[in-house]
N, C-alpha and C. Protein backbone atom coordinates (compact mmCIF):
# COMPACT_ATOMS: atom_id res chain seq x y z
N MET A 1 0.81 -1.22 0.00
CA MET A 1 -0.01 0.01 -0.04
C MET A 1 0.83 1.27 0.00
N GLU A 2 2.12 1.11 0.16
CA GLU A 2 2.99 2.26 0.23
C GLU A 2 2.95 3.14 -1.05
N LEU A 3 2.87 2.47 -2.23
CA LEU A 3 2.84 3.17 -3.43
C LEU A 3 1.57 3.98 -3.57
N LEU A 4 0.46 3.38 -3.14
CA LEU A 4 -0.85 4.15 -3.19
C LEU A 4 -0.81 5.36 -2.22
N VAL A 5 -0.22 5.17 -1.06
CA VAL A 5 -0.12 6.30 -0.14
C VAL A 5 0.74 7.35 -0.75
N ILE A 6 1.87 7.00 -1.36
CA ILE A 6 2.69 8.03 -1.93
C ILE A 6 2.00 8.82 -3.00
N VAL A 7 1.38 8.08 -3.97
CA VAL A 7 0.77 8.72 -5.07
C VAL A 7 -0.48 9.53 -4.63
N THR A 8 -1.23 9.02 -3.68
CA THR A 8 -2.35 9.76 -3.15
C THR A 8 -1.86 11.00 -2.46
N SER A 9 -0.78 10.97 -1.75
CA SER A 9 -0.19 12.16 -1.13
C SER A 9 0.28 13.19 -2.19
N ILE A 10 0.89 12.70 -3.23
CA ILE A 10 1.33 13.62 -4.25
C ILE A 10 0.10 14.28 -4.93
N ALA A 11 -0.95 13.53 -5.20
CA ALA A 11 -2.09 14.15 -5.84
C ALA A 11 -2.74 15.15 -4.92
N LEU A 12 -2.82 14.85 -3.62
CA LEU A 12 -3.40 15.78 -2.69
C LEU A 12 -2.50 17.03 -2.50
N LEU A 13 -1.21 16.82 -2.48
CA LEU A 13 -0.28 17.96 -2.43
C LEU A 13 -0.41 18.84 -3.63
N GLN A 14 -0.59 18.25 -4.81
CA GLN A 14 -0.79 19.00 -6.00
C GLN A 14 -2.06 19.91 -5.85
N GLY A 15 -3.14 19.32 -5.35
CA GLY A 15 -4.36 20.07 -5.08
C GLY A 15 -4.15 21.21 -4.12
N PHE A 16 -3.30 20.91 -3.07
CA PHE A 16 -2.99 21.97 -2.06
C PHE A 16 -2.19 23.10 -2.69
N VAL A 17 -1.18 22.76 -3.55
CA VAL A 17 -0.45 23.79 -4.22
C VAL A 17 -1.30 24.61 -5.11
N PHE A 18 -2.23 24.04 -5.78
CA PHE A 18 -3.19 24.76 -6.60
C PHE A 18 -4.04 25.75 -5.78
N ALA A 19 -4.36 25.29 -4.53
CA ALA A 19 -5.13 26.17 -3.59
C ALA A 19 -4.29 27.36 -3.19
N ILE A 20 -3.01 27.12 -2.95
CA ILE A 20 -2.12 28.24 -2.61
C ILE A 20 -1.99 29.19 -3.75
N GLN A 21 -2.00 28.69 -4.95
CA GLN A 21 -1.94 29.57 -6.13
C GLN A 21 -3.18 30.41 -6.29
N VAL A 22 -4.33 29.85 -5.88
CA VAL A 22 -5.56 30.59 -5.91
C VAL A 22 -5.44 31.77 -4.91
N GLY A 23 -4.98 31.47 -3.73
CA GLY A 23 -4.82 32.50 -2.68
C GLY A 23 -3.83 33.57 -3.11
N SER A 24 -2.79 33.17 -3.75
CA SER A 24 -1.83 34.14 -4.26
C SER A 24 -2.42 35.00 -5.33
N ALA A 25 -3.20 34.43 -6.19
CA ALA A 25 -3.89 35.20 -7.27
C ALA A 25 -4.90 36.17 -6.64
N ARG A 26 -5.60 35.72 -5.57
CA ARG A 26 -6.54 36.56 -4.89
C ARG A 26 -5.84 37.84 -4.39
N VAL A 27 -4.70 37.68 -3.80
CA VAL A 27 -3.96 38.83 -3.28
C VAL A 27 -3.41 39.74 -4.43
N LYS A 28 -2.81 39.04 -5.39
CA LYS A 28 -2.22 39.84 -6.50
C LYS A 28 -3.29 40.60 -7.27
N TYR A 29 -4.46 40.07 -7.52
CA TYR A 29 -5.43 40.74 -8.31
C TYR A 29 -6.52 41.38 -7.47
N LYS A 30 -6.32 41.38 -6.16
CA LYS A 30 -7.25 42.06 -5.22
C LYS A 30 -8.70 41.55 -5.35
N ILE A 31 -8.83 40.28 -5.34
CA ILE A 31 -10.18 39.60 -5.40
C ILE A 31 -10.47 39.18 -3.96
N ASN A 32 -11.29 39.88 -3.30
CA ASN A 32 -11.61 39.59 -1.89
C ASN A 32 -12.66 38.47 -1.79
N ALA A 33 -12.38 37.50 -0.87
CA ALA A 33 -13.35 36.45 -0.61
C ALA A 33 -14.66 37.06 -0.15
N PRO A 34 -15.80 36.56 -0.53
CA PRO A 34 -16.02 35.31 -1.17
C PRO A 34 -16.09 35.39 -2.73
N ALA A 35 -15.72 36.56 -3.29
CA ALA A 35 -15.77 36.70 -4.78
C ALA A 35 -14.97 35.62 -5.47
N VAL A 36 -15.48 35.13 -6.61
CA VAL A 36 -14.78 34.12 -7.39
C VAL A 36 -14.65 34.62 -8.84
N SER A 37 -14.84 35.91 -9.06
CA SER A 37 -14.66 36.42 -10.36
C SER A 37 -13.93 37.80 -10.27
N GLY A 38 -13.45 38.16 -11.34
CA GLY A 38 -12.68 39.41 -11.47
C GLY A 38 -11.66 39.33 -12.55
N ALA A 39 -10.38 39.32 -12.21
CA ALA A 39 -9.28 39.22 -13.19
C ALA A 39 -9.32 37.88 -13.79
N PRO A 40 -9.18 37.76 -15.14
CA PRO A 40 -9.17 36.44 -15.81
C PRO A 40 -8.07 35.53 -15.23
N GLU A 41 -6.96 36.07 -14.86
CA GLU A 41 -5.84 35.23 -14.35
C GLU A 41 -6.28 34.58 -13.03
N PHE A 42 -7.01 35.34 -12.20
CA PHE A 42 -7.55 34.79 -10.94
C PHE A 42 -8.57 33.64 -11.28
N GLU A 43 -9.47 33.95 -12.19
CA GLU A 43 -10.50 33.01 -12.52
C GLU A 43 -9.92 31.68 -13.04
N ARG A 44 -8.82 31.80 -13.82
CA ARG A 44 -8.14 30.57 -14.35
C ARG A 44 -7.59 29.78 -13.22
N ALA A 45 -6.88 30.43 -12.30
CA ALA A 45 -6.33 29.68 -11.14
C ALA A 45 -7.40 29.03 -10.32
N PHE A 46 -8.51 29.74 -10.11
CA PHE A 46 -9.65 29.26 -9.38
C PHE A 46 -10.22 28.00 -10.03
N ARG A 47 -10.44 28.07 -11.34
CA ARG A 47 -11.06 26.96 -12.05
C ARG A 47 -10.10 25.77 -12.13
N ILE A 48 -8.84 25.98 -12.21
CA ILE A 48 -7.85 24.93 -12.19
C ILE A 48 -7.98 24.11 -10.84
N HIS A 49 -8.01 24.86 -9.82
CA HIS A 49 -8.15 24.24 -8.51
C HIS A 49 -9.44 23.55 -8.32
N GLN A 50 -10.57 24.19 -8.68
CA GLN A 50 -11.84 23.59 -8.48
C GLN A 50 -12.04 22.31 -9.30
N ASN A 51 -11.58 22.36 -10.57
CA ASN A 51 -11.67 21.16 -11.44
C ASN A 51 -10.86 20.06 -10.93
N THR A 52 -9.66 20.37 -10.36
CA THR A 52 -8.80 19.37 -9.80
C THR A 52 -9.44 18.69 -8.58
N LEU A 53 -10.08 19.52 -7.74
CA LEU A 53 -10.81 18.95 -6.59
C LEU A 53 -11.93 18.02 -7.03
N GLU A 54 -12.64 18.46 -8.08
CA GLU A 54 -13.71 17.62 -8.62
C GLU A 54 -13.18 16.30 -9.14
N GLN A 55 -12.02 16.31 -9.75
CA GLN A 55 -11.48 15.07 -10.26
C GLN A 55 -10.87 14.20 -9.18
N LEU A 56 -10.29 14.77 -8.11
CA LEU A 56 -9.76 14.02 -7.05
C LEU A 56 -10.76 13.19 -6.35
N ILE A 57 -11.98 13.67 -6.28
CA ILE A 57 -13.06 12.93 -5.66
C ILE A 57 -13.33 11.57 -6.35
N ILE A 58 -13.12 11.53 -7.60
CA ILE A 58 -13.24 10.34 -8.40
C ILE A 58 -11.93 9.51 -8.41
N LEU A 59 -10.84 10.18 -8.58
CA LEU A 59 -9.55 9.49 -8.76
C LEU A 59 -9.17 8.69 -7.51
N ILE A 60 -9.15 9.28 -6.38
CA ILE A 60 -8.61 8.62 -5.20
C ILE A 60 -9.31 7.29 -4.86
N PRO A 61 -10.61 7.29 -4.67
CA PRO A 61 -11.20 5.98 -4.46
C PRO A 61 -11.05 4.99 -5.52
N SER A 62 -11.08 5.47 -6.77
CA SER A 62 -10.90 4.59 -7.92
C SER A 62 -9.53 3.94 -7.93
N MET A 63 -8.51 4.68 -7.58
CA MET A 63 -7.16 4.18 -7.49
C MET A 63 -7.06 3.08 -6.44
N TRP A 64 -7.61 3.31 -5.27
CA TRP A 64 -7.56 2.35 -4.21
C TRP A 64 -8.42 1.09 -4.49
N MET A 65 -9.59 1.29 -5.09
CA MET A 65 -10.42 0.13 -5.46
C MET A 65 -9.70 -0.75 -6.53
N PHE A 66 -9.16 -0.03 -7.47
CA PHE A 66 -8.44 -0.78 -8.57
C PHE A 66 -7.38 -1.64 -7.94
N ALA A 67 -6.59 -1.08 -7.02
CA ALA A 67 -5.53 -1.81 -6.40
C ALA A 67 -6.03 -2.98 -5.60
N GLN A 68 -7.19 -2.88 -5.09
CA GLN A 68 -7.78 -3.99 -4.36
C GLN A 68 -7.96 -5.27 -5.21
N PHE A 69 -8.33 -5.05 -6.45
CA PHE A 69 -8.64 -6.18 -7.34
C PHE A 69 -7.56 -6.53 -8.34
N TRP A 70 -6.66 -5.57 -8.62
CA TRP A 70 -5.64 -5.79 -9.61
C TRP A 70 -4.23 -5.63 -8.95
N ARG A 71 -3.48 -4.67 -9.45
CA ARG A 71 -2.11 -4.47 -8.90
C ARG A 71 -1.95 -3.07 -8.44
N GLU A 72 -1.30 -2.97 -7.22
CA GLU A 72 -1.03 -1.70 -6.66
C GLU A 72 -0.11 -0.83 -7.53
N ASP A 73 0.92 -1.43 -8.15
CA ASP A 73 1.85 -0.60 -8.90
C ASP A 73 1.15 -0.01 -10.17
N ILE A 74 0.25 -0.75 -10.75
CA ILE A 74 -0.50 -0.20 -11.91
C ILE A 74 -1.40 0.90 -11.47
N ALA A 75 -2.10 0.67 -10.32
CA ALA A 75 -2.98 1.75 -9.81
C ALA A 75 -2.21 3.02 -9.48
N ALA A 76 -1.04 2.85 -8.85
CA ALA A 76 -0.19 3.97 -8.50
C ALA A 76 0.32 4.68 -9.78
N GLY A 77 0.74 3.85 -10.78
CA GLY A 77 1.22 4.42 -12.06
C GLY A 77 0.13 5.24 -12.73
N LEU A 78 -1.08 4.76 -12.76
CA LEU A 78 -2.20 5.48 -13.37
C LEU A 78 -2.45 6.74 -12.54
N GLY A 79 -2.33 6.69 -11.26
CA GLY A 79 -2.45 7.86 -10.46
C GLY A 79 -1.43 8.94 -10.78
N LEU A 80 -0.19 8.47 -11.06
CA LEU A 80 0.85 9.42 -11.48
C LEU A 80 0.52 10.02 -12.81
N VAL A 81 0.02 9.22 -13.75
CA VAL A 81 -0.42 9.72 -15.01
C VAL A 81 -1.44 10.85 -14.83
N PHE A 82 -2.37 10.69 -13.93
CA PHE A 82 -3.36 11.70 -13.58
C PHE A 82 -2.65 12.98 -13.15
N VAL A 83 -1.72 12.85 -12.18
CA VAL A 83 -0.98 14.00 -11.71
C VAL A 83 -0.28 14.74 -12.80
N ILE A 84 0.39 14.01 -13.72
CA ILE A 84 1.07 14.65 -14.81
C ILE A 84 0.07 15.29 -15.73
N GLY A 85 -1.05 14.67 -16.01
CA GLY A 85 -2.10 15.29 -16.80
C GLY A 85 -2.62 16.58 -16.16
N ARG A 86 -2.75 16.60 -14.89
CA ARG A 86 -3.18 17.83 -14.18
C ARG A 86 -2.16 18.92 -14.32
N GLN A 87 -0.87 18.61 -14.33
CA GLN A 87 0.16 19.66 -14.55
C GLN A 87 0.13 20.23 -15.98
N ILE A 88 -0.09 19.34 -16.90
CA ILE A 88 -0.27 19.75 -18.29
C ILE A 88 -1.52 20.61 -18.42
N TYR A 89 -2.60 20.20 -17.79
CA TYR A 89 -3.86 20.97 -17.79
C TYR A 89 -3.64 22.34 -17.28
N ARG A 90 -2.99 22.39 -16.05
CA ARG A 90 -2.73 23.67 -15.44
C ARG A 90 -1.92 24.62 -16.35
N GLY A 91 -0.87 24.10 -16.88
CA GLY A 91 0.05 24.90 -17.74
C GLY A 91 -0.68 25.47 -18.93
N ALA A 92 -1.52 24.62 -19.56
CA ALA A 92 -2.29 25.03 -20.74
C ALA A 92 -3.39 26.04 -20.38
N TYR A 93 -4.09 25.76 -19.28
CA TYR A 93 -5.26 26.58 -18.82
C TYR A 93 -4.77 27.99 -18.53
N ILE A 94 -3.59 28.09 -17.85
CA ILE A 94 -3.09 29.39 -17.45
C ILE A 94 -2.83 30.25 -18.70
N LYS A 95 -2.24 29.63 -19.74
CA LYS A 95 -1.92 30.33 -20.96
C LYS A 95 -3.19 30.65 -21.75
N ASP A 96 -4.03 29.66 -21.97
CA ASP A 96 -5.24 29.80 -22.75
C ASP A 96 -6.21 28.69 -22.45
N PRO A 97 -7.31 29.02 -21.76
CA PRO A 97 -8.24 27.94 -21.37
C PRO A 97 -8.69 27.04 -22.49
N ALA A 98 -8.68 27.50 -23.71
CA ALA A 98 -9.11 26.67 -24.83
C ALA A 98 -8.09 25.52 -25.12
N GLY A 99 -6.88 25.63 -24.54
CA GLY A 99 -5.85 24.64 -24.74
C GLY A 99 -5.79 23.53 -23.71
N ARG A 100 -6.77 23.46 -22.84
CA ARG A 100 -6.67 22.59 -21.66
C ARG A 100 -7.05 21.14 -21.96
N SER A 101 -7.51 20.85 -23.16
CA SER A 101 -8.13 19.51 -23.49
C SER A 101 -7.13 18.38 -23.32
N MET A 102 -5.87 18.54 -23.75
CA MET A 102 -4.96 17.37 -23.69
C MET A 102 -4.69 17.01 -22.22
N GLY A 103 -4.37 17.95 -21.36
CA GLY A 103 -4.14 17.65 -19.98
C GLY A 103 -5.36 17.07 -19.30
N PHE A 104 -6.52 17.61 -19.61
CA PHE A 104 -7.76 17.04 -19.04
C PHE A 104 -7.92 15.61 -19.50
N SER A 105 -7.74 15.32 -20.76
CA SER A 105 -7.93 13.99 -21.35
C SER A 105 -6.99 13.02 -20.74
N ILE A 106 -5.77 13.41 -20.53
CA ILE A 106 -4.81 12.47 -19.90
C ILE A 106 -5.26 12.05 -18.52
N GLY A 107 -5.62 13.01 -17.71
CA GLY A 107 -6.07 12.70 -16.36
C GLY A 107 -7.39 11.94 -16.34
N ALA A 108 -8.31 12.34 -17.22
CA ALA A 108 -9.57 11.65 -17.31
C ALA A 108 -9.45 10.21 -17.76
N MET A 109 -8.58 10.00 -18.72
CA MET A 109 -8.36 8.55 -19.21
C MET A 109 -7.81 7.68 -18.07
N ALA A 110 -6.86 8.25 -17.32
CA ALA A 110 -6.31 7.45 -16.23
C ALA A 110 -7.42 7.14 -15.20
N THR A 111 -8.24 8.13 -14.89
CA THR A 111 -9.31 7.94 -13.91
C THR A 111 -10.37 6.89 -14.42
N VAL A 112 -10.75 7.00 -15.65
CA VAL A 112 -11.71 6.06 -16.24
C VAL A 112 -11.15 4.61 -16.21
N ILE A 113 -9.90 4.48 -16.55
CA ILE A 113 -9.29 3.12 -16.47
C ILE A 113 -9.37 2.57 -15.07
N LEU A 114 -9.00 3.45 -14.11
CA LEU A 114 -9.07 2.98 -12.70
C LEU A 114 -10.44 2.63 -12.25
N LEU A 115 -11.38 3.48 -12.58
CA LEU A 115 -12.76 3.25 -12.14
C LEU A 115 -13.35 2.01 -12.80
N LEU A 116 -13.25 1.93 -14.10
CA LEU A 116 -13.77 0.73 -14.80
C LEU A 116 -13.04 -0.54 -14.40
N GLY A 117 -11.73 -0.43 -14.17
CA GLY A 117 -10.96 -1.59 -13.73
C GLY A 117 -11.48 -2.05 -12.35
N ALA A 118 -11.70 -1.14 -11.48
CA ALA A 118 -12.24 -1.49 -10.16
C ALA A 118 -13.59 -2.16 -10.30
N LEU A 119 -14.46 -1.60 -11.10
CA LEU A 119 -15.77 -2.22 -11.30
C LEU A 119 -15.69 -3.64 -11.85
N VAL A 120 -14.86 -3.82 -12.89
CA VAL A 120 -14.69 -5.15 -13.49
C VAL A 120 -14.10 -6.05 -12.45
N GLY A 121 -13.12 -5.66 -11.71
CA GLY A 121 -12.47 -6.47 -10.68
C GLY A 121 -13.52 -6.94 -9.65
N ALA A 122 -14.37 -6.02 -9.23
CA ALA A 122 -15.40 -6.37 -8.25
C ALA A 122 -16.37 -7.38 -8.82
N VAL A 123 -16.87 -7.18 -10.02
CA VAL A 123 -17.81 -8.05 -10.62
C VAL A 123 -17.18 -9.44 -10.85
N MET A 124 -15.95 -9.49 -11.34
CA MET A 124 -15.29 -10.79 -11.46
C MET A 124 -15.09 -11.52 -10.18
N SER A 125 -14.85 -10.72 -9.12
CA SER A 125 -14.69 -11.33 -7.80
C SER A 125 -15.97 -11.96 -7.29
N LEU A 126 -17.08 -11.33 -7.67
CA LEU A 126 -18.40 -11.88 -7.27
C LEU A 126 -18.75 -13.16 -8.02
N LEU A 127 -18.25 -13.23 -9.27
CA LEU A 127 -18.53 -14.37 -10.07
C LEU A 127 -17.63 -15.50 -9.69
């Protein structure tokens, strides 16, 4: 389970760093809470963080469930693919939100494989 703990921690740390970036953008662009709109640069940082949180809710349990029925190293590897996809997503989104598709797709594909793999593993275990 060590690999899963490490990758889960990395994914959560990435989300935390994105939160810090939102806070920094709030200060830089003078966007006082609870406002979530204003400078486009702030809005991009905010959406990157929010979308990442939305994805983590699916990724983390999927990764752990996949590892339960298949292999921990594969689950952890797919989790790392998600983290890399999120970094690509962030870099593209900051430059131009229209370019975020590749990073999103990388992370989403890893998550779908984990989720479907967990489901298939559970059904096979029942049979």
